[in-house]
Amino acid sequence: DVFQSQEEDDRKVRRREKNRVAAQRSRKKQTQKADKLHEEYESLEQENTSLKREIGKLTDEMKHLSEVLKDHEKICPLLHCTMNFVTIPRPDALTSCLPR
């Protein structure tokens, strides 16, 4: 009876040790997963910041180019020419619109 009791105690100890090791592995795996997600989050935040900066630059460039176009439209002789509706521009049609 003492032998069986000792054997059961040994089995319990082995089971507890095995469970402890499995729990450690599980916690380590969860921690690694959380670390990986945090790194991915940081990377996406940096990319987002970079893209927002690029959007700002492109918006500024678009505003500048729109202003340049507006200024050019005011003085462009081709926009004020009656010949500007020609679908295939010919050199002589274009030169007739240009100031002499």
C-alpha atoms as a PDB file:
ATOM      1  CA  ASP A   1       0.000   0.000   0.000  1.00  0.00           C
ATOM      2  CA  VAL A   2       2.892   2.349   0.817  1.00  0.00           C
ATOM      3  CA  PHE A   3       4.480   1.425  -2.535  1.00  0.00           C
ATOM      4  CA  GLN A   4       1.287   2.394  -4.431  1.00  0.00           C
ATOM      5  CA  SER A   5       1.009   5.632  -2.503  1.00  0.00           C
ATOM      6  CA  GLN A   6       4.624   6.509  -3.365  1.00  0.00           C
ATOM      7  CA  GLU A   7       3.986   5.642  -7.010  1.00  0.00           C
ATOM      8  CA  GLU A   8       0.891   7.859  -7.111  1.00  0.00           C
ATOM      9  CA  ASP A   9       2.828  10.699  -5.476  1.00  0.00           C
ATOM     10  CA  ASP A  10       5.585  10.313  -8.085  1.00  0.00           C
ATOM     11  CA  ARG A  11       2.976  10.375 -10.859  1.00  0.00           C
ATOM     12  CA  LYS A  12       1.421  13.555  -9.412  1.00  0.00           C
ATOM     13  CA  VAL A  13       4.842  15.215  -9.174  1.00  0.00           C
ATOM     14  CA  ARG A  14       5.658  14.283 -12.797  1.00  0.00           C
ATOM     15  CA  ARG A  15       2.239  15.490 -13.968  1.00  0.00           C
ATOM     16  CA  ARG A  16       2.643  18.804 -12.088  1.00  0.00           C
ATOM     17  CA  GLU A  17       6.149  19.283 -13.513  1.00  0.00           C
ATOM     18  CA  LYS A  18       4.922  18.504 -17.010  1.00  0.00           C
ATOM     19  CA  ASN A  19       2.010  20.926 -16.544  1.00  0.00           C
ATOM     20  CA  ARG A  20       4.360  23.625 -15.181  1.00  0.00           C
ATOM     21  CA  VAL A  21       6.660  23.295 -18.203  1.00  0.00           C
ATOM     22  CA  ALA A  22       3.687  23.394 -20.591  1.00  0.00           C
ATOM     23  CA  ALA A  23       2.338  26.519 -18.851  1.00  0.00           C
ATOM     24  CA  GLN A  24       5.765  28.201 -19.141  1.00  0.00           C
ATOM     25  CA  ARG A  25       5.887  27.354 -22.847  1.00  0.00           C
ATOM     26  CA  SER A  26       2.381  28.727 -23.338  1.00  0.00           C
ATOM     27  CA  ARG A  27       3.186  31.992 -21.515  1.00  0.00           C
ATOM     28  CA  LYS A  28       6.409  32.385 -23.493  1.00  0.00           C
ATOM     29  CA  LYS A  29       4.530  31.820 -26.763  1.00  0.00           C
ATOM     30  CA  GLN A  30       1.889  34.421 -25.772  1.00  0.00           C
ATOM     31  CA  THR A  31       4.607  36.921 -24.855  1.00  0.00           C
ATOM     32  CA  GLN A  32       6.389  36.373 -28.190  1.00  0.00           C
ATOM     33  CA  LYS A  33       3.109  36.818 -30.061  1.00  0.00           C
ATOM     34  CA  ALA A  34       2.380  40.053 -28.169  1.00  0.00           C
ATOM     35  CA  ASP A  35       5.919  41.322 -28.866  1.00  0.00           C
ATOM     36  CA  LYS A  36       5.537  40.535 -32.559  1.00  0.00           C
ATOM     37  CA  LEU A  37       2.191  42.347 -32.705  1.00  0.00           C
ATOM     38  CA  HIS A  38       3.699  45.355 -30.944  1.00  0.00           C
ATOM     39  CA  GLU A  39       6.590  45.482 -33.439  1.00  0.00           C
ATOM     40  CA  GLU A  40       4.132  45.227 -36.332  1.00  0.00           C
ATOM     41  CA  TYR A  41       2.048  48.030 -34.790  1.00  0.00           C
ATOM     42  CA  GLU A  42       5.114  50.266 -34.454  1.00  0.00           C
ATOM     43  CA  SER A  43       6.115  49.560 -38.056  1.00  0.00           C
ATOM     44  CA  LEU A  44       2.619  50.368 -39.339  1.00  0.00           C
ATOM     45  CA  GLU A  45       2.544  53.584 -37.292  1.00  0.00           C
ATOM     46  CA  GLN A  46       5.844  54.671 -38.872  1.00  0.00           C
ATOM     47  CA  GLU A  47       4.562  53.815 -42.348  1.00  0.00           C
ATOM     48  CA  ASN A  48       1.343  55.722 -41.656  1.00  0.00           C
ATOM     49  CA  THR A  49       3.289  58.785 -40.524  1.00  0.00           C
ATOM     50  CA  SER A  50       5.468  58.592 -43.619  1.00  0.00           C
ATOM     51  CA  LEU A  51       2.432  58.279 -45.911  1.00  0.00           C
ATOM     52  CA  LYS A  52       0.735  61.246 -44.225  1.00  0.00           C
ATOM     53  CA  ARG A  53       3.901  63.284 -44.808  1.00  0.00           C
ATOM     54  CA  GLU A  54       3.905  62.238 -48.464  1.00  0.00           C
ATOM     55  CA  ILE A  55       0.212  63.174 -48.813  1.00  0.00           C
ATOM     56  CA  GLY A  56       1.040  66.602 -47.396  1.00  0.00           C
ATOM     57  CA  LYS A  57       3.885  67.106 -49.860  1.00  0.00           C
ATOM     58  CA  LEU A  58       1.766  65.955 -52.799  1.00  0.00           C
ATOM     59  CA  THR A  59      -1.109  68.199 -51.708  1.00  0.00           C
ATOM     60  CA  ASP A  60       1.260  71.167 -51.553  1.00  0.00           C
ATOM     61  CA  GLU A  61       2.641  70.292 -54.990  1.00  0.00           C
ATOM     62  CA  MET A  62      -0.879  69.994 -56.407  1.00  0.00           C
ATOM     63  CA  LYS A  63      -1.802  73.430 -54.997  1.00  0.00           C
ATOM     64  CA  HIS A  64       1.373  74.935 -56.467  1.00  0.00           C
ATOM     65  CA  LEU A  65       0.782  73.353 -59.883  1.00  0.00           C
ATOM     66  CA  SER A  66      -2.861  74.468 -59.867  1.00  0.00           C
ATOM     67  CA  GLU A  67      -1.719  78.034 -59.224  1.00  0.00           C
ATOM     68  CA  VAL A  68       0.871  77.777 -62.005  1.00  0.00           C
ATOM     69  CA  LEU A  69      -1.802  76.454 -64.365  1.00  0.00           C
ATOM     70  CA  LYS A  70      -4.231  79.231 -63.385  1.00  0.00           C
ATOM     71  CA  ASP A  71      -1.555  81.857 -64.014  1.00  0.00           C
ATOM     72  CA  HIS A  72      -0.660  80.249 -67.325  1.00  0.00           C
ATOM     73  CA  GLU A  73      -4.289  80.045 -68.464  1.00  0.00           C
ATOM     74  CA  LYS A  74      -4.554  83.826 -68.097  1.00  0.00           C
ATOM     75  CA  ILE A  75      -1.792  84.424 -70.623  1.00  0.00           C
ATOM     76  CA  CYS A  76      -1.939  81.319 -72.852  1.00  0.00           C
ATOM     77  CA  PRO A  77      -2.709  82.386 -76.435  1.00  0.00           C
ATOM     78  CA  LEU A  78      -3.812  78.873 -77.377  1.00  0.00           C
ATOM     79  CA  LEU A  79      -6.679  78.953 -74.882  1.00  0.00           C
ATOM     80  CA  HIS A  80      -7.970  82.208 -76.358  1.00  0.00           C
ATOM     81  CA  CYS A  81      -7.638  81.122 -79.978  1.00  0.00           C
ATOM     82  CA  THR A  82     -10.722  80.181 -81.995  1.00  0.00           C
ATOM     83  CA  MET A  83      -8.702  77.381 -83.560  1.00  0.00           C
ATOM     84  CA  ASN A  84      -8.249  75.513 -80.268  1.00  0.00           C
ATOM     85  CA  PHE A  85     -11.117  73.158 -81.128  1.00  0.00           C
ATOM     86  CA  VAL A  86      -9.129  71.478 -83.903  1.00  0.00           C
ATOM     87  CA  THR A  87      -8.848  67.814 -82.900  1.00  0.00           C
ATOM     88  CA  ILE A  88      -5.514  67.198 -84.610  1.00  0.00           C
ATOM     89  CA  PRO A  89      -3.427  70.326 -84.259  1.00  0.00           C
ATOM     90  CA  ARG A  90      -1.476  71.296 -87.330  1.00  0.00           C
ATOM     91  CA  PRO A  91       1.627  73.434 -86.991  1.00  0.00           C
ATOM     92  CA  ASP A  92       0.129  76.153 -89.188  1.00  0.00           C
ATOM     93  CA  ALA A  93      -3.076  76.247 -87.083  1.00  0.00           C
ATOM     94  CA  LEU A  94      -1.060  76.591 -83.886  1.00  0.00           C
ATOM     95  CA  THR A  95       1.287  79.214 -85.235  1.00  0.00           C
ATOM     96  CA  SER A  96      -1.674  81.283 -86.444  1.00  0.00           C
ATOM     97  CA  CYS A  97      -2.814  81.558 -82.817  1.00  0.00           C
ATOM     98  CA  LEU A  98       0.523  82.629 -81.442  1.00  0.00           C
ATOM     99  CA  PRO A  99       1.291  86.352 -81.118  1.00  0.00           C
ATOM    100  CA  ARG A 100       3.621  87.740 -83.736  1.00  0.00           C
END
